[in-house]
Amino acid sequence: MNRHEELVSDLSDFDDDQPSSGDDALQPEAAAAVAATSSETSNTEIPSVDPETLTGVWASERPILCIAGRSPVDEAAAIILAAVLEKHGLRSRAHGVDLLTSSNIAQLDLKGVALVCLSCLDTESSAHIRNLVRRVRRRAPNMRVMLAMWGAEASVADTIRRSSRADFAETDIRRCLGACIDLAASSRDESPMPVEALPVAGIHNKGEIVDLPA
């Protein structure tokens, strides 16, 4: 277990109330990640899914892959997101940005992955985010990609989503969770498809997926 995983390894014991980023018990990187992922709708009830009811690639061992966009805070936030997803029935794993470096990208294994979630706090580096999405798509051209753009304005997040051709963009952990649950739940009504056959999608809107224009 690396240092950032140790910082948030006890998150599964917490309830769904957002912890305070000012908690003295949190180390700086963990506190920053908590602040970054915080939602203004913390009193909203979050549903869960039964992983045994999922079908297709969503029924794989770890269908969601959370990857840090750039910084240690991005990595800590990715680990927090993966932990919250796991708590709500969506099996997930988290990795640092080194997974997408030029020296490692050839070893990136996306078999059994339904969704890649890129954890990005810095919305000023849109070119970097576009590059990360391109690297994922080189390995799996039709992979669904979500941008977790912590704390960004919705309009900014959507502009970067469009320019990067990512499928979804969410701005806090609850919206990320809700989008993932909607996608996973929709898999029950779809015929199982391999990753290569998944459609490239567009805007996440009430569980619907809208194809991007060619």
C-alpha atoms as a PDB file:
ATOM      1  CA  MET A   1       0.000   0.000   0.000  1.00  0.00           C
ATOM      2  CA  ASN A   2       1.490   3.370  -1.025  1.00  0.00           C
ATOM      3  CA  ARG A   3       1.505   6.564   1.040  1.00  0.00           C
ATOM      4  CA  HIS A   4      -1.644   8.028  -0.487  1.00  0.00           C
ATOM      5  CA  GLU A   5      -3.570   4.795  -0.095  1.00  0.00           C
ATOM      6  CA  GLU A   6      -2.600   4.774   3.580  1.00  0.00           C
ATOM      7  CA  LEU A   7      -3.991   8.313   3.962  1.00  0.00           C
ATOM      8  CA  VAL A   8      -7.489   7.242   2.940  1.00  0.00           C
ATOM      9  CA  SER A   9      -7.534   3.505   3.698  1.00  0.00           C
ATOM     10  CA  ASP A  10     -10.056   3.992   6.503  1.00  0.00           C
ATOM     11  CA  LEU A  11     -12.652   5.822   4.352  1.00  0.00           C
ATOM     12  CA  SER A  12     -14.827   2.719   4.098  1.00  0.00           C
ATOM     13  CA  ASP A  13     -15.578   3.085   7.820  1.00  0.00           C
ATOM     14  CA  PHE A  14     -17.043   6.579   7.331  1.00  0.00           C
ATOM     15  CA  ASP A  15     -20.695   7.329   6.633  1.00  0.00           C
ATOM     16  CA  ASP A  16     -21.771   9.343   3.608  1.00  0.00           C
ATOM     17  CA  ASP A  17     -21.577  12.713   5.351  1.00  0.00           C
ATOM     18  CA  GLN A  18     -18.707  14.625   3.815  1.00  0.00           C
ATOM     19  CA  PRO A  19     -15.781  14.822   6.282  1.00  0.00           C
ATOM     20  CA  SER A  20     -14.410  18.234   7.069  1.00  0.00           C
ATOM     21  CA  SER A  21     -11.258  19.230   5.186  1.00  0.00           C
ATOM     22  CA  GLY A  22     -10.205  21.140   8.283  1.00  0.00           C
ATOM     23  CA  ASP A  23     -10.040  18.029  10.441  1.00  0.00           C
ATOM     24  CA  ASP A  24      -6.675  18.081  12.209  1.00  0.00           C
ATOM     25  CA  ALA A  25      -6.565  14.288  11.996  1.00  0.00           C
ATOM     26  CA  LEU A  26      -6.227  14.447   8.213  1.00  0.00           C
ATOM     27  CA  GLN A  27      -2.794  14.821   6.691  1.00  0.00           C
ATOM     28  CA  PRO A  28      -2.449  17.734   4.228  1.00  0.00           C
ATOM     29  CA  GLU A  29      -2.828  15.759   0.993  1.00  0.00           C
ATOM     30  CA  ALA A  30      -5.837  13.841   2.289  1.00  0.00           C
ATOM     31  CA  ALA A  31      -7.434  17.060   3.567  1.00  0.00           C
ATOM     32  CA  ALA A  32      -6.894  18.714   0.190  1.00  0.00           C
ATOM     33  CA  ALA A  33      -8.428  15.726  -1.584  1.00  0.00           C
ATOM     34  CA  VAL A  34     -11.467  15.764   0.715  1.00  0.00           C
ATOM     35  CA  ALA A  35     -11.925  19.490   0.081  1.00  0.00           C
ATOM     36  CA  ALA A  36     -11.556  18.974  -3.668  1.00  0.00           C
ATOM     37  CA  THR A  37     -14.153  16.225  -3.863  1.00  0.00           C
ATOM     38  CA  SER A  38     -16.682  17.856  -1.521  1.00  0.00           C
ATOM     39  CA  SER A  39     -20.248  18.311  -2.685  1.00  0.00           C
ATOM     40  CA  GLU A  40     -22.638  21.092  -1.737  1.00  0.00           C
ATOM     41  CA  THR A  41     -25.437  18.492  -1.676  1.00  0.00           C
ATOM     42  CA  SER A  42     -24.099  16.338   1.132  1.00  0.00           C
ATOM     43  CA  ASN A  43     -27.589  15.664   2.473  1.00  0.00           C
ATOM     44  CA  THR A  44     -28.622  13.947  -0.773  1.00  0.00           C
ATOM     45  CA  GLU A  45     -29.208  10.237  -0.336  1.00  0.00           C
ATOM     46  CA  ILE A  46     -26.773   8.149  -2.375  1.00  0.00           C
ATOM     47  CA  PRO A  47     -28.065   4.855  -3.770  1.00  0.00           C
ATOM     48  CA  SER A  48     -26.086   1.625  -3.978  1.00  0.00           C
ATOM     49  CA  VAL A  49     -26.061  -1.206  -6.470  1.00  0.00           C
ATOM     50  CA  ASP A  50     -25.739  -4.941  -5.997  1.00  0.00           C
ATOM     51  CA  PRO A  51     -22.646  -5.937  -8.019  1.00  0.00           C
ATOM     52  CA  GLU A  52     -24.094  -9.410  -8.483  1.00  0.00           C
ATOM     53  CA  THR A  53     -26.920  -7.949 -10.610  1.00  0.00           C
ATOM     54  CA  LEU A  54     -24.609  -6.213 -13.087  1.00  0.00           C
ATOM     55  CA  THR A  55     -24.015  -7.625 -16.545  1.00  0.00           C
ATOM     56  CA  GLY A  56     -21.471  -7.402 -19.351  1.00  0.00           C
ATOM     57  CA  VAL A  57     -18.185  -5.685 -18.632  1.00  0.00           C
ATOM     58  CA  TRP A  58     -19.749  -4.090 -15.513  1.00  0.00           C
ATOM     59  CA  ALA A  59     -19.802  -7.566 -13.953  1.00  0.00           C
ATOM     60  CA  SER A  60     -16.008  -7.851 -14.197  1.00  0.00           C
ATOM     61  CA  GLU A  61     -13.712  -7.901 -11.173  1.00  0.00           C
ATOM     62  CA  ARG A  62     -12.910  -4.151 -11.325  1.00  0.00           C
ATOM     63  CA  PRO A  63     -15.052  -2.373 -13.956  1.00  0.00           C
ATOM     64  CA  ILE A  64     -14.042   1.180 -12.931  1.00  0.00           C
ATOM     65  CA  LEU A  65     -10.466   2.442 -13.138  1.00  0.00           C
ATOM     66  CA  CYS A  66      -9.739   5.781 -11.386  1.00  0.00           C
ATOM     67  CA  ILE A  67      -6.502   7.441 -12.521  1.00  0.00           C
ATOM     68  CA  ALA A  68      -4.843  10.580 -11.168  1.00  0.00           C
ATOM     69  CA  GLY A  69      -4.593  13.437 -13.629  1.00  0.00           C
ATOM     70  CA  ARG A  70      -1.308  14.880 -12.445  1.00  0.00           C
ATOM     71  CA  SER A  71      -0.703  15.713  -8.771  1.00  0.00           C
ATOM     72  CA  PRO A  72      -0.565  13.820  -5.452  1.00  0.00           C
ATOM     73  CA  VAL A  73      -3.908  15.449  -4.581  1.00  0.00           C
ATOM     74  CA  ASP A  74      -5.371  14.068  -7.808  1.00  0.00           C
ATOM     75  CA  GLU A  75      -4.133  10.630  -6.763  1.00  0.00           C
ATOM     76  CA  ALA A  76      -5.567  10.937  -3.251  1.00  0.00           C
ATOM     77  CA  ALA A  77      -8.890  12.068  -4.728  1.00  0.00           C
ATOM     78  CA  ALA A  78      -8.862   9.103  -7.134  1.00  0.00           C
ATOM     79  CA  ILE A  79      -8.372   6.750  -4.197  1.00  0.00           C
ATOM     80  CA  ILE A  80     -11.211   8.436  -2.291  1.00  0.00           C
ATOM     81  CA  LEU A  81     -13.493   8.093  -5.316  1.00  0.00           C
ATOM     82  CA  ALA A  82     -12.613   4.412  -5.752  1.00  0.00           C
ATOM     83  CA  ALA A  83     -13.299   3.790  -2.059  1.00  0.00           C
ATOM     84  CA  VAL A  84     -16.697   5.517  -2.235  1.00  0.00           C
ATOM     85  CA  LEU A  85     -17.620   3.614  -5.402  1.00  0.00           C
ATOM     86  CA  GLU A  86     -16.677   0.333  -3.710  1.00  0.00           C
ATOM     87  CA  LYS A  87     -18.824   1.234  -0.716  1.00  0.00           C
ATOM     88  CA  HIS A  88     -21.807   1.679  -3.020  1.00  0.00           C
ATOM     89  CA  GLY A  89     -21.379  -1.603  -4.859  1.00  0.00           C
ATOM     90  CA  LEU A  90     -19.185  -0.568  -7.813  1.00  0.00           C
ATOM     91  CA  ARG A  91     -15.900  -2.457  -7.788  1.00  0.00           C
ATOM     92  CA  SER A  92     -13.077  -0.025  -8.537  1.00  0.00           C
ATOM     93  CA  ARG A  93      -9.328   0.461  -8.395  1.00  0.00           C
ATOM     94  CA  ALA A  94      -7.165   3.579  -8.332  1.00  0.00           C
ATOM     95  CA  HIS A  95      -3.766   4.391  -9.823  1.00  0.00           C
ATOM     96  CA  GLY A  96      -1.361   7.302  -9.994  1.00  0.00           C
ATOM     97  CA  VAL A  97      -0.778   9.256 -13.196  1.00  0.00           C
ATOM     98  CA  ASP A  98       2.349   7.183 -13.881  1.00  0.00           C
ATOM     99  CA  LEU A  99      -0.005   4.574 -15.336  1.00  0.00           C
ATOM    100  CA  LEU A 100      -0.496   6.837 -18.372  1.00  0.00           C
ATOM    101  CA  THR A 101       3.123   7.905 -18.922  1.00  0.00           C
ATOM    102  CA  SER A 102       4.722   7.153 -22.278  1.00  0.00           C
ATOM    103  CA  SER A 103       6.909   4.485 -20.669  1.00  0.00           C
ATOM    104  CA  ASN A 104       3.944   2.663 -19.073  1.00  0.00           C
ATOM    105  CA  ILE A 105       1.050   3.184 -21.468  1.00  0.00           C
ATOM    106  CA  ALA A 106       1.910   0.082 -23.509  1.00  0.00           C
ATOM    107  CA  GLN A 107       1.345  -2.017 -20.382  1.00  0.00           C
ATOM    108  CA  LEU A 108      -2.035  -0.447 -19.578  1.00  0.00           C
ATOM    109  CA  ASP A 109      -4.515  -3.325 -19.415  1.00  0.00           C
ATOM    110  CA  LEU A 110      -8.122  -2.232 -19.867  1.00  0.00           C
ATOM    111  CA  LYS A 111      -9.589  -5.698 -20.162  1.00  0.00           C
ATOM    112  CA  GLY A 112     -12.686  -5.866 -17.964  1.00  0.00           C
ATOM    113  CA  VAL A 113     -12.824  -2.060 -17.566  1.00  0.00           C
ATOM    114  CA  ALA A 114     -16.133  -0.372 -18.361  1.00  0.00           C
ATOM    115  CA  LEU A 115     -15.181   3.189 -17.374  1.00  0.00           C
ATOM    116  CA  VAL A 116     -11.968   5.134 -16.863  1.00  0.00           C
ATOM    117  CA  CYS A 117     -12.320   8.074 -14.466  1.00  0.00           C
ATOM    118  CA  LEU A 118      -9.591  10.736 -14.635  1.00  0.00           C
ATOM    119  CA  SER A 119      -9.210  12.678 -11.384  1.00  0.00           C
ATOM    120  CA  CYS A 120      -8.296  16.269 -12.287  1.00  0.00           C
ATOM    121  CA  LEU A 121      -8.128  19.228  -9.917  1.00  0.00           C
ATOM    122  CA  ASP A 122      -6.229  21.589 -12.220  1.00  0.00           C
ATOM    123  CA  THR A 123      -8.659  22.759 -14.903  1.00  0.00           C
ATOM    124  CA  GLU A 124      -6.084  25.195 -16.297  1.00  0.00           C
ATOM    125  CA  SER A 125      -4.180  22.330 -17.932  1.00  0.00           C
ATOM    126  CA  SER A 126      -6.822  21.363 -20.471  1.00  0.00           C
ATOM    127  CA  ALA A 127      -4.158  20.318 -22.993  1.00  0.00           C
ATOM    128  CA  HIS A 128      -2.788  17.837 -20.460  1.00  0.00           C
ATOM    129  CA  ILE A 129      -6.284  16.433 -19.853  1.00  0.00           C
ATOM    130  CA  ARG A 130      -6.854  16.056 -23.602  1.00  0.00           C
ATOM    131  CA  ASN A 131      -3.571  14.158 -23.818  1.00  0.00           C
ATOM    132  CA  LEU A 132      -4.610  11.787 -21.013  1.00  0.00           C
ATOM    133  CA  VAL A 133      -7.904  11.015 -22.764  1.00  0.00           C
ATOM    134  CA  ARG A 134      -6.055  10.392 -26.044  1.00  0.00           C
ATOM    135  CA  ARG A 135      -3.681   7.976 -24.325  1.00  0.00           C
ATOM    136  CA  VAL A 136      -6.568   5.986 -22.879  1.00  0.00           C
ATOM    137  CA  ARG A 137      -8.280   5.881 -26.262  1.00  0.00           C
ATOM    138  CA  ARG A 138      -5.116   4.661 -27.978  1.00  0.00           C
ATOM    139  CA  ARG A 139      -5.347   1.570 -25.806  1.00  0.00           C
ATOM    140  CA  ALA A 140      -9.134   1.199 -26.131  1.00  0.00           C
ATOM    141  CA  PRO A 141     -10.635   3.466 -28.821  1.00  0.00           C
ATOM    142  CA  ASN A 142     -14.210   3.105 -27.575  1.00  0.00           C
ATOM    143  CA  MET A 143     -13.522   3.211 -23.839  1.00  0.00           C
ATOM    144  CA  ARG A 144     -15.886   5.415 -21.862  1.00  0.00           C
ATOM    145  CA  VAL A 145     -13.983   8.177 -20.059  1.00  0.00           C
ATOM    146  CA  MET A 146     -15.238  10.367 -17.231  1.00  0.00           C
ATOM    147  CA  LEU A 147     -13.472  13.541 -16.104  1.00  0.00           C
ATOM    148  CA  ALA A 148     -13.762  14.100 -12.349  1.00  0.00           C
ATOM    149  CA  MET A 149     -13.013  17.827 -12.364  1.00  0.00           C
ATOM    150  CA  TRP A 150     -13.100  18.533  -8.668  1.00  0.00           C
ATOM    151  CA  GLY A 151     -14.667  21.887  -7.787  1.00  0.00           C
ATOM    152  CA  ALA A 152     -14.773  23.180 -11.366  1.00  0.00           C
ATOM    153  CA  GLU A 153     -17.627  25.271 -12.708  1.00  0.00           C
ATOM    154  CA  ALA A 154     -20.003  23.085 -14.700  1.00  0.00           C
ATOM    155  CA  SER A 155     -19.494  25.187 -17.835  1.00  0.00           C
ATOM    156  CA  VAL A 156     -15.703  24.870 -17.575  1.00  0.00           C
ATOM    157  CA  ALA A 157     -15.931  21.119 -17.011  1.00  0.00           C
ATOM    158  CA  ASP A 158     -18.208  20.674 -20.020  1.00  0.00           C
ATOM    159  CA  THR A 159     -15.955  22.787 -22.258  1.00  0.00           C
ATOM    160  CA  ILE A 160     -12.975  20.595 -21.372  1.00  0.00           C
ATOM    161  CA  ARG A 161     -15.073  17.458 -21.813  1.00  0.00           C
ATOM    162  CA  ARG A 162     -16.009  18.521 -25.319  1.00  0.00           C
ATOM    163  CA  SER A 163     -12.487  19.530 -26.327  1.00  0.00           C
ATOM    164  CA  SER A 164     -10.988  16.308 -24.965  1.00  0.00           C
ATOM    165  CA  ARG A 165     -13.842  14.157 -26.329  1.00  0.00           C
ATOM    166  CA  ALA A 166     -14.316  12.575 -22.933  1.00  0.00           C
ATOM    167  CA  ASP A 167     -17.759  11.060 -22.455  1.00  0.00           C
ATOM    168  CA  PHE A 168     -18.717  12.625 -19.116  1.00  0.00           C
ATOM    169  CA  ALA A 169     -17.554  15.395 -16.795  1.00  0.00           C
ATOM    170  CA  GLU A 170     -18.619  15.696 -13.167  1.00  0.00           C
ATOM    171  CA  THR A 171     -17.484  18.203 -10.563  1.00  0.00           C
ATOM    172  CA  ASP A 172     -17.869  16.491  -7.180  1.00  0.00           C
ATOM    173  CA  ILE A 173     -17.803  13.026  -5.745  1.00  0.00           C
ATOM    174  CA  ARG A 174     -21.567  12.598  -5.417  1.00  0.00           C
ATOM    175  CA  ARG A 175     -22.203  13.487  -9.043  1.00  0.00           C
ATOM    176  CA  CYS A 176     -19.414  11.116 -10.088  1.00  0.00           C
ATOM    177  CA  LEU A 177     -20.990   8.381  -7.996  1.00  0.00           C
ATOM    178  CA  GLY A 178     -24.458   9.064  -9.393  1.00  0.00           C
ATOM    179  CA  ALA A 179     -23.217   8.974 -12.989  1.00  0.00           C
ATOM    180  CA  CYS A 180     -21.375   5.697 -12.385  1.00  0.00           C
ATOM    181  CA  ILE A 181     -24.426   4.121 -10.764  1.00  0.00           C
ATOM    182  CA  ASP A 182     -26.617   5.215 -13.693  1.00  0.00           C
ATOM    183  CA  LEU A 183     -24.184   3.694 -16.185  1.00  0.00           C
ATOM    184  CA  ALA A 184     -23.846   0.452 -14.234  1.00  0.00           C
ATOM    185  CA  ALA A 185     -27.605   0.146 -13.793  1.00  0.00           C
ATOM    186  CA  SER A 186     -28.180   0.664 -17.518  1.00  0.00           C
ATOM    187  CA  SER A 187     -25.942  -2.343 -18.199  1.00  0.00           C
ATOM    188  CA  ARG A 188     -28.707  -4.599 -16.891  1.00  0.00           C
ATOM    189  CA  ASP A 189     -30.819  -3.679 -19.924  1.00  0.00           C
ATOM    190  CA  GLU A 190     -28.018  -4.023 -22.467  1.00  0.00           C
ATOM    191  CA  SER A 191     -26.654  -7.076 -24.205  1.00  0.00           C
ATOM    192  CA  PRO A 192     -23.151  -7.859 -22.910  1.00  0.00           C
ATOM    193  CA  MET A 193     -20.544  -6.251 -25.168  1.00  0.00           C
ATOM    194  CA  PRO A 194     -16.737  -6.388 -25.147  1.00  0.00           C
ATOM    195  CA  VAL A 195     -14.905  -3.138 -24.400  1.00  0.00           C
ATOM    196  CA  GLU A 196     -14.015  -2.728 -28.085  1.00  0.00           C
ATOM    197  CA  ALA A 197     -17.716  -2.651 -29.021  1.00  0.00           C
ATOM    198  CA  LEU A 198     -18.842  -0.067 -26.482  1.00  0.00           C
ATOM    199  CA  PRO A 199     -20.224   3.066 -28.149  1.00  0.00           C
ATOM    200  CA  VAL A 200     -18.403   6.360 -27.747  1.00  0.00           C
ATOM    201  CA  ALA A 201     -20.834   8.456 -25.737  1.00  0.00           C
ATOM    202  CA  GLY A 202     -21.494  12.100 -25.053  1.00  0.00           C
ATOM    203  CA  ILE A 203     -23.279  14.033 -22.358  1.00  0.00           C
ATOM    204  CA  HIS A 204     -24.427  12.287 -19.198  1.00  0.00           C
ATOM    205  CA  ASN A 205     -28.036  13.357 -18.699  1.00  0.00           C
ATOM    206  CA  LYS A 206     -30.345  11.521 -16.310  1.00  0.00           C
ATOM    207  CA  GLY A 207     -28.758   8.191 -17.079  1.00  0.00           C
ATOM    208  CA  GLU A 208     -28.963   8.638 -20.847  1.00  0.00           C
ATOM    209  CA  ILE A 209     -25.950   8.487 -23.132  1.00  0.00           C
ATOM    210  CA  VAL A 210     -25.898  10.723 -26.172  1.00  0.00           C
ATOM    211  CA  ASP A 211     -23.499   9.860 -28.995  1.00  0.00           C
ATOM    212  CA  LEU A 212     -20.958  12.490 -29.902  1.00  0.00           C
ATOM    213  CA  PRO A 213     -21.050  13.760 -33.492  1.00  0.00           C
ATOM    214  CA  ALA A 214     -18.415  12.330 -35.796  1.00  0.00           C
END
